[in-house]
Amino acid sequence: PFAVALVIVALSVCAGAVASALMLSVAGRWRSR
C-alpha cells in the first residue's frame, strides 16, 4: 500500500511542477516577467 501511495504522490508532484514550469515559461515569453 505504501508503494501505491508514494507513486500517486510522486506523479502528482511531477505533474504540478511541470504545469508550473510551463506556465512560468509562457508568462515570461508573452510579457515581461
PDB file of all heavy atoms in Angstrom:
ATOM      1  N   PRO A   1       0.812  -1.228   0.000  1.00  0.00           N
ATOM      2  CA  PRO A   1       0.000   0.000   0.000  1.00  0.00           C
ATOM      3  C   PRO A   1       0.843   1.275   0.000  1.00  0.00           C
ATOM      4  O   PRO A   1       0.480   2.261  -0.619  1.00  0.00           O
ATOM      5  CB  PRO A   1      -0.827  -0.089   1.274  1.00  0.00           C
ATOM      6  CG  PRO A   1      -0.572  -1.409   1.867  1.00  0.00           C
ATOM      7  CD  PRO A   1       0.562  -2.051   1.147  1.00  0.00           C
ATOM      8  N   PHE A   2       1.969   1.256   0.689  1.00  0.00           N
ATOM      9  CA  PHE A   2       2.776   2.473   0.729  1.00  0.00           C
ATOM     10  C   PHE A   2       3.377   2.773  -0.638  1.00  0.00           C
ATOM     11  O   PHE A   2       3.570   3.934  -0.986  1.00  0.00           O
ATOM     12  CB  PHE A   2       3.871   2.366   1.788  1.00  0.00           C
ATOM     13  CG  PHE A   2       5.000   1.442   1.409  1.00  0.00           C
ATOM     14  CD1 PHE A   2       6.117   1.937   0.770  1.00  0.00           C
ATOM     15  CD2 PHE A   2       4.946   0.089   1.702  1.00  0.00           C
ATOM     16  CE1 PHE A   2       7.150   1.096   0.410  1.00  0.00           C
ATOM     17  CE2 PHE A   2       5.966  -0.750   1.358  1.00  0.00           C
ATOM     18  CZ  PHE A   2       7.083  -0.248   0.712  1.00  0.00           C
ATOM     19  N   ALA A   3       3.673   1.740  -1.419  1.00  0.00           N
ATOM     20  CA  ALA A   3       4.250   1.961  -2.744  1.00  0.00           C
ATOM     21  C   ALA A   3       3.244   2.648  -3.662  1.00  0.00           C
ATOM     22  O   ALA A   3       3.598   3.564  -4.408  1.00  0.00           O
ATOM     23  CB  ALA A   3       4.713   0.642  -3.351  1.00  0.00           C
ATOM     24  N   VAL A   4       1.993   2.224  -3.599  1.00  0.00           N
ATOM     25  CA  VAL A   4       0.959   2.839  -4.435  1.00  0.00           C
ATOM     26  C   VAL A   4       0.744   4.296  -4.011  1.00  0.00           C
ATOM     27  O   VAL A   4       0.646   5.191  -4.858  1.00  0.00           O
ATOM     28  CB  VAL A   4      -0.359   2.037  -4.343  1.00  0.00           C
ATOM     29  CG1 VAL A   4      -1.478   2.748  -5.073  1.00  0.00           C
ATOM     30  CG2 VAL A   4      -0.161   0.639  -4.889  1.00  0.00           C
ATOM     31  N   ALA A   5       0.708   4.541  -2.714  1.00  0.00           N
ATOM     32  CA  ALA A   5       0.521   5.909  -2.224  1.00  0.00           C
ATOM     33  C   ALA A   5       1.689   6.801  -2.621  1.00  0.00           C
ATOM     34  O   ALA A   5       1.494   7.953  -3.037  1.00  0.00           O
ATOM     35  CB  ALA A   5       0.345   5.907  -0.714  1.00  0.00           C
ATOM     36  N   LEU A   6       2.909   6.289  -2.515  1.00  0.00           N
ATOM     37  CA  LEU A   6       4.067   7.094  -2.896  1.00  0.00           C
ATOM     38  C   LEU A   6       4.130   7.351  -4.399  1.00  0.00           C
ATOM     39  O   LEU A   6       4.553   8.424  -4.823  1.00  0.00           O
ATOM     40  CB  LEU A   6       5.351   6.416  -2.421  1.00  0.00           C
ATOM     41  CG  LEU A   6       5.607   6.461  -0.913  1.00  0.00           C
ATOM     42  CD1 LEU A   6       6.869   5.687  -0.570  1.00  0.00           C
ATOM     43  CD2 LEU A   6       5.701   7.885  -0.427  1.00  0.00           C
ATOM     44  N   VAL A   7       3.706   6.399  -5.198  1.00  0.00           N
ATOM     45  CA  VAL A   7       3.664   6.618  -6.644  1.00  0.00           C
ATOM     46  C   VAL A   7       2.644   7.702  -6.987  1.00  0.00           C
ATOM     47  O   VAL A   7       2.908   8.572  -7.817  1.00  0.00           O
ATOM     48  CB  VAL A   7       3.351   5.303  -7.400  1.00  0.00           C
ATOM     49  CG1 VAL A   7       2.994   5.566  -8.849  1.00  0.00           C
ATOM     50  CG2 VAL A   7       4.532   4.353  -7.319  1.00  0.00           C
ATOM     51  N   ILE A   8       1.502   7.673  -6.321  1.00  0.00           N
ATOM     52  CA  ILE A   8       0.483   8.707  -6.557  1.00  0.00           C
ATOM     53  C   ILE A   8       1.020  10.077  -6.183  1.00  0.00           C
ATOM     54  O   ILE A   8       0.877  11.047  -6.937  1.00  0.00           O
ATOM     55  CB  ILE A   8      -0.811   8.376  -5.785  1.00  0.00           C
ATOM     56  CG1 ILE A   8      -1.504   7.177  -6.416  1.00  0.00           C
ATOM     57  CG2 ILE A   8      -1.752   9.583  -5.746  1.00  0.00           C
ATOM     58  CD1 ILE A   8      -2.695   6.673  -5.633  1.00  0.00           C
ATOM     59  N   VAL A   9       1.669  10.174  -5.029  1.00  0.00           N
ATOM     60  CA  VAL A   9       2.218  11.459  -4.586  1.00  0.00           C
ATOM     61  C   VAL A   9       3.316  11.927  -5.544  1.00  0.00           C
ATOM     62  O   VAL A   9       3.349  13.099  -5.946  1.00  0.00           O
ATOM     63  CB  VAL A   9       2.745  11.356  -3.145  1.00  0.00           C
ATOM     64  CG1 VAL A   9       3.556  12.568  -2.754  1.00  0.00           C
ATOM     65  CG2 VAL A   9       1.601  11.160  -2.169  1.00  0.00           C
ATOM     66  N   ALA A  10       4.211  11.018  -5.938  1.00  0.00           N
ATOM     67  CA  ALA A  10       5.321  11.399  -6.817  1.00  0.00           C
ATOM     68  C   ALA A  10       4.815  11.855  -8.186  1.00  0.00           C
ATOM     69  O   ALA A  10       5.290  12.863  -8.723  1.00  0.00           O
ATOM     70  CB  ALA A  10       6.287  10.231  -6.967  1.00  0.00           C
ATOM     71  N   LEU A  11       3.864  11.141  -8.748  1.00  0.00           N
ATOM     72  CA  LEU A  11       3.331  11.542 -10.054  1.00  0.00           C
ATOM     73  C   LEU A  11       2.550  12.854  -9.972  1.00  0.00           C
ATOM     74  O   LEU A  11       2.603  13.675 -10.897  1.00  0.00           O
ATOM     75  CB  LEU A  11       2.454  10.435 -10.628  1.00  0.00           C
ATOM     76  CG  LEU A  11       3.189   9.184 -11.096  1.00  0.00           C
ATOM     77  CD1 LEU A  11       2.196   8.113 -11.533  1.00  0.00           C
ATOM     78  CD2 LEU A  11       4.149   9.516 -12.215  1.00  0.00           C
ATOM     79  N   SER A  12       1.851  13.060  -8.874  1.00  0.00           N
ATOM     80  CA  SER A  12       1.111  14.314  -8.703  1.00  0.00           C
ATOM     81  C   SER A  12       2.057  15.500  -8.596  1.00  0.00           C
ATOM     82  O   SER A  12       1.840  16.545  -9.221  1.00  0.00           O
ATOM     83  CB  SER A  12       0.229  14.238  -7.458  1.00  0.00           C
ATOM     84  OG  SER A  12      -0.691  13.207  -7.565  1.00  0.00           O
ATOM     85  N   VAL A  13       3.111  15.345  -7.814  1.00  0.00           N
ATOM     86  CA  VAL A  13       4.090  16.423  -7.665  1.00  0.00           C
ATOM     87  C   VAL A  13       4.791  16.688  -8.990  1.00  0.00           C
ATOM     88  O   VAL A  13       5.033  17.844  -9.360  1.00  0.00           O
ATOM     89  CB  VAL A  13       5.100  16.077  -6.542  1.00  0.00           C
ATOM     90  CG1 VAL A  13       6.291  17.015  -6.556  1.00  0.00           C
ATOM     91  CG2 VAL A  13       4.409  16.114  -5.187  1.00  0.00           C
ATOM     92  N   CYS A  14       5.108  15.637  -9.713  1.00  0.00           N
ATOM     93  CA  CYS A  14       5.734  15.795 -11.030  1.00  0.00           C
ATOM     94  C   CYS A  14       4.824  16.577 -11.974  1.00  0.00           C
ATOM     95  O   CYS A  14       5.270  17.503 -12.651  1.00  0.00           O
ATOM     96  CB  CYS A  14       6.066  14.425 -11.603  1.00  0.00           C
ATOM     97  SG  CYS A  14       6.803  14.472 -13.234  1.00  0.00           S
ATOM     98  N   ALA A  15       3.550  16.226 -12.022  1.00  0.00           N
ATOM     99  CA  ALA A  15       2.611  16.922 -12.909  1.00  0.00           C
ATOM    100  C   ALA A  15       2.448  18.389 -12.503  1.00  0.00           C
ATOM    101  O   ALA A  15       2.412  19.282 -13.357  1.00  0.00           O
ATOM    102  CB  ALA A  15       1.258  16.221 -12.884  1.00  0.00           C
ATOM    103  N   GLY A  16       2.359  18.657 -11.220  1.00  0.00           N
ATOM    104  CA  GLY A  16       2.228  20.038 -10.752  1.00  0.00           C
ATOM    105  C   GLY A  16       3.460  20.870 -11.048  1.00  0.00           C
ATOM    106  O   GLY A  16       3.357  22.044 -11.425  1.00  0.00           O
ATOM    107  N   ALA A  17       4.647  20.272 -10.889  1.00  0.00           N
ATOM    108  CA  ALA A  17       5.881  21.004 -11.174  1.00  0.00           C
ATOM    109  C   ALA A  17       6.012  21.308 -12.656  1.00  0.00           C
ATOM    110  O   ALA A  17       6.433  22.405 -13.047  1.00  0.00           O
ATOM    111  CB  ALA A  17       7.083  20.201 -10.680  1.00  0.00           C
ATOM    112  N   VAL A  18       5.639  20.357 -13.501  1.00  0.00           N
ATOM    113  CA  VAL A  18       5.688  20.590 -14.952  1.00  0.00           C
ATOM    114  C   VAL A  18       4.690  21.686 -15.341  1.00  0.00           C
ATOM    115  O   VAL A  18       5.008  22.573 -16.141  1.00  0.00           O
ATOM    116  CB  VAL A  18       5.413  19.284 -15.726  1.00  0.00           C
ATOM    117  CG1 VAL A  18       5.152  19.557 -17.190  1.00  0.00           C
ATOM    118  CG2 VAL A  18       6.570  18.324 -15.558  1.00  0.00           C
ATOM    119  N   ALA A  19       3.497  21.648 -14.755  1.00  0.00           N
ATOM    120  CA  ALA A  19       2.495  22.673 -15.069  1.00  0.00           C
ATOM    121  C   ALA A  19       2.975  24.059 -14.646  1.00  0.00           C
ATOM    122  O   ALA A  19       2.820  25.034 -15.393  1.00  0.00           O
ATOM    123  CB  ALA A  19       1.171  22.335 -14.383  1.00  0.00           C
ATOM    124  N   SER A  20       3.566  24.162 -13.462  1.00  0.00           N
ATOM    125  CA  SER A  20       4.080  25.455 -13.003  1.00  0.00           C
ATOM    126  C   SER A  20       5.201  25.952 -13.901  1.00  0.00           C
ATOM    127  O   SER A  20       5.255  27.139 -14.251  1.00  0.00           O
ATOM    128  CB  SER A  20       4.594  25.338 -11.563  1.00  0.00           C
ATOM    129  OG  SER A  20       3.537  25.183 -10.674  1.00  0.00           O
ATOM    130  N   ALA A  21       6.111  25.053 -14.281  1.00  0.00           N
ATOM    131  CA  ALA A  21       7.219  25.458 -15.144  1.00  0.00           C
ATOM    132  C   ALA A  21       6.710  25.921 -16.506  1.00  0.00           C
ATOM    133  O   ALA A  21       7.207  26.912 -17.057  1.00  0.00           O
ATOM    134  CB  ALA A  21       8.196  24.300 -15.300  1.00  0.00           C
ATOM    135  N   LEU A  22       5.730  25.220 -17.046  1.00  0.00           N
ATOM    136  CA  LEU A  22       5.174  25.631 -18.341  1.00  0.00           C
ATOM    137  C   LEU A  22       4.477  26.983 -18.248  1.00  0.00           C
ATOM    138  O   LEU A  22       4.609  27.821 -19.143  1.00  0.00           O
ATOM    139  CB  LEU A  22       4.210  24.577 -18.866  1.00  0.00           C
ATOM    140  CG  LEU A  22       4.841  23.280 -19.369  1.00  0.00           C
ATOM    141  CD1 LEU A  22       3.759  22.264 -19.712  1.00  0.00           C
ATOM    142  CD2 LEU A  22       5.720  23.556 -20.560  1.00  0.00           C
ATOM    143  N   MET A  23       3.728  27.200 -17.179  1.00  0.00           N
ATOM    144  CA  MET A  23       3.027  28.481 -17.033  1.00  0.00           C
ATOM    145  C   MET A  23       4.003  29.632 -16.822  1.00  0.00           C
ATOM    146  O   MET A  23       3.773  30.737 -17.305  1.00  0.00           O
ATOM    147  CB  MET A  23       2.026  28.390 -15.895  1.00  0.00           C
ATOM    148  CG  MET A  23       0.833  27.551 -16.242  1.00  0.00           C
ATOM    149  SD  MET A  23      -0.305  27.442 -14.879  1.00  0.00           S
ATOM    150  CE  MET A  23      -1.172  25.958 -15.326  1.00  0.00           C
ATOM    151  N   LEU A  24       5.095  29.372 -16.103  1.00  0.00           N
ATOM    152  CA  LEU A  24       6.099  30.422 -15.924  1.00  0.00           C
ATOM    153  C   LEU A  24       6.826  30.720 -17.233  1.00  0.00           C
ATOM    154  O   LEU A  24       7.137  31.879 -17.520  1.00  0.00           O
ATOM    155  CB  LEU A  24       7.108  30.016 -14.855  1.00  0.00           C
ATOM    156  CG  LEU A  24       6.651  30.208 -13.429  1.00  0.00           C
ATOM    157  CD1 LEU A  24       7.685  29.643 -12.469  1.00  0.00           C
ATOM    158  CD2 LEU A  24       6.402  31.671 -13.130  1.00  0.00           C
ATOM    159  N   SER A  25       7.085  29.698 -18.030  1.00  0.00           N
ATOM    160  CA  SER A  25       7.777  29.953 -19.297  1.00  0.00           C
ATOM    161  C   SER A  25       6.880  30.688 -20.286  1.00  0.00           C
ATOM    162  O   SER A  25       7.340  31.545 -21.032  1.00  0.00           O
ATOM    163  CB  SER A  25       8.279  28.641 -19.906  1.00  0.00           C
ATOM    164  OG  SER A  25       7.207  27.848 -20.345  1.00  0.00           O
ATOM    165  N   VAL A  26       5.591  30.367 -20.287  1.00  0.00           N
ATOM    166  CA  VAL A  26       4.655  31.071 -21.165  1.00  0.00           C
ATOM    167  C   VAL A  26       4.492  32.514 -20.708  1.00  0.00           C
ATOM    168  O   VAL A  26       4.469  33.437 -21.522  1.00  0.00           O
ATOM    169  CB  VAL A  26       3.296  30.342 -21.210  1.00  0.00           C
ATOM    170  CG1 VAL A  26       2.234  31.203 -21.866  1.00  0.00           C
ATOM    171  CG2 VAL A  26       3.438  29.024 -21.934  1.00  0.00           C
ATOM    172  N   ALA A  27       4.417  32.735 -19.397  1.00  0.00           N
ATOM    173  CA  ALA A  27       4.275  34.101 -18.889  1.00  0.00           C
ATOM    174  C   ALA A  27       5.517  34.921 -19.190  1.00  0.00           C
ATOM    175  O   ALA A  27       5.438  36.118 -19.432  1.00  0.00           O
ATOM    176  CB  ALA A  27       4.006  34.081 -17.385  1.00  0.00           C
ATOM    177  N   GLY A  28       6.676  34.286 -19.194  1.00  0.00           N
ATOM    178  CA  GLY A  28       7.913  35.004 -19.482  1.00  0.00           C
ATOM    179  C   GLY A  28       8.050  35.384 -20.935  1.00  0.00           C
ATOM    180  O   GLY A  28       8.703  36.358 -21.279  1.00  0.00           O
ATOM    181  N   ARG A  29       7.433  34.631 -21.840  1.00  0.00           N
ATOM    182  CA  ARG A  29       7.537  34.925 -23.261  1.00  0.00           C
ATOM    183  C   ARG A  29       6.585  36.034 -23.695  1.00  0.00           C
ATOM    184  O   ARG A  29       6.926  36.865 -24.523  1.00  0.00           O
ATOM    185  CB  ARG A  29       7.224  33.687 -24.084  1.00  0.00           C
ATOM    186  CG  ARG A  29       8.333  32.699 -24.098  1.00  0.00           C
ATOM    187  CD  ARG A  29       8.012  31.579 -25.035  1.00  0.00           C
ATOM    188  NE  ARG A  29       9.004  30.526 -24.907  1.00  0.00           N
ATOM    189  CZ  ARG A  29       8.793  29.280 -25.219  1.00  0.00           C
ATOM    190  NH1 ARG A  29       7.616  28.911 -25.677  1.00  0.00           N
ATOM    191  NH2 ARG A  29       9.732  28.385 -25.084  1.00  0.00           N
ATOM    192  N   TRP A  30       5.372  35.997 -23.196  1.00  0.00           N
ATOM    193  CA  TRP A  30       4.351  36.925 -23.685  1.00  0.00           C
ATOM    194  C   TRP A  30       4.489  38.326 -23.128  1.00  0.00           C
ATOM    195  O   TRP A  30       4.166  39.293 -23.767  1.00  0.00           O
ATOM    196  CB  TRP A  30       2.959  36.394 -23.372  1.00  0.00           C
ATOM    197  CG  TRP A  30       2.580  35.290 -24.295  1.00  0.00           C
ATOM    198  CD1 TRP A  30       3.301  34.792 -25.340  1.00  0.00           C
ATOM    199  CD2 TRP A  30       1.380  34.546 -24.276  1.00  0.00           C
ATOM    200  NE1 TRP A  30       2.640  33.781 -25.951  1.00  0.00           N
ATOM    201  CE2 TRP A  30       1.447  33.604 -25.306  1.00  0.00           C
ATOM    202  CE3 TRP A  30       0.252  34.565 -23.469  1.00  0.00           C
ATOM    203  CZ2 TRP A  30       0.433  32.703 -25.567  1.00  0.00           C
ATOM    204  CZ3 TRP A  30      -0.747  33.674 -23.725  1.00  0.00           C
ATOM    205  CH2 TRP A  30      -0.666  32.758 -24.765  1.00  0.00           C
ATOM    206  N   ARG A  31       4.930  38.432 -21.925  1.00  0.00           N
ATOM    207  CA  ARG A  31       5.113  39.757 -21.330  1.00  0.00           C
ATOM    208  C   ARG A  31       6.349  39.705 -20.445  1.00  0.00           C
ATOM    209  O   ARG A  31       6.856  38.652 -20.145  1.00  0.00           O
ATOM    210  CB  ARG A  31       3.880  40.178 -20.541  1.00  0.00           C
ATOM    211  CG  ARG A  31       3.520  39.201 -19.432  1.00  0.00           C
ATOM    212  CD  ARG A  31       2.259  39.665 -18.716  1.00  0.00           C
ATOM    213  NE  ARG A  31       1.911  38.748 -17.665  1.00  0.00           N
ATOM    214  CZ  ARG A  31       1.064  37.739 -17.767  1.00  0.00           C
ATOM    215  NH1 ARG A  31       0.474  37.511 -18.913  1.00  0.00           N
ATOM    216  NH2 ARG A  31       0.813  36.955 -16.754  1.00  0.00           N
ATOM    217  N   SER A  32       6.786  40.862 -20.061  1.00  0.00           N
ATOM    218  CA  SER A  32       7.977  40.882 -19.221  1.00  0.00           C
ATOM    219  C   SER A  32       7.686  40.144 -17.916  1.00  0.00           C
ATOM    220  O   SER A  32       6.605  40.245 -17.343  1.00  0.00           O
ATOM    221  CB  SER A  32       8.386  42.327 -18.941  1.00  0.00           C
ATOM    222  OG  SER A  32       7.381  42.969 -18.181  1.00  0.00           O
ATOM    223  N   ARG A  33       8.651  39.395 -17.482  1.00  0.00           N
ATOM    224  CA  ARG A  33       8.466  38.552 -16.294  1.00  0.00           C
ATOM    225  C   ARG A  33       8.389  39.445 -15.058  1.00  0.00           C
ATOM    226  O   ARG A  33       9.316  40.185 -14.744  1.00  0.00           O
ATOM    227  CB  ARG A  33       9.623  37.584 -16.185  1.00  0.00           C
ATOM    228  CG  ARG A  33       9.368  36.471 -15.250  1.00  0.00           C
ATOM    229  CD  ARG A  33      10.485  35.477 -15.419  1.00  0.00           C
ATOM    230  NE  ARG A  33      10.168  34.282 -14.690  1.00  0.00           N
ATOM    231  CZ  ARG A  33      10.589  33.107 -15.018  1.00  0.00           C
ATOM    232  NH1 ARG A  33      11.345  32.962 -16.058  1.00  0.00           N
ATOM    233  NH2 ARG A  33      10.281  32.065 -14.311  1.00  0.00           N
TER     234      ARG A  33
END
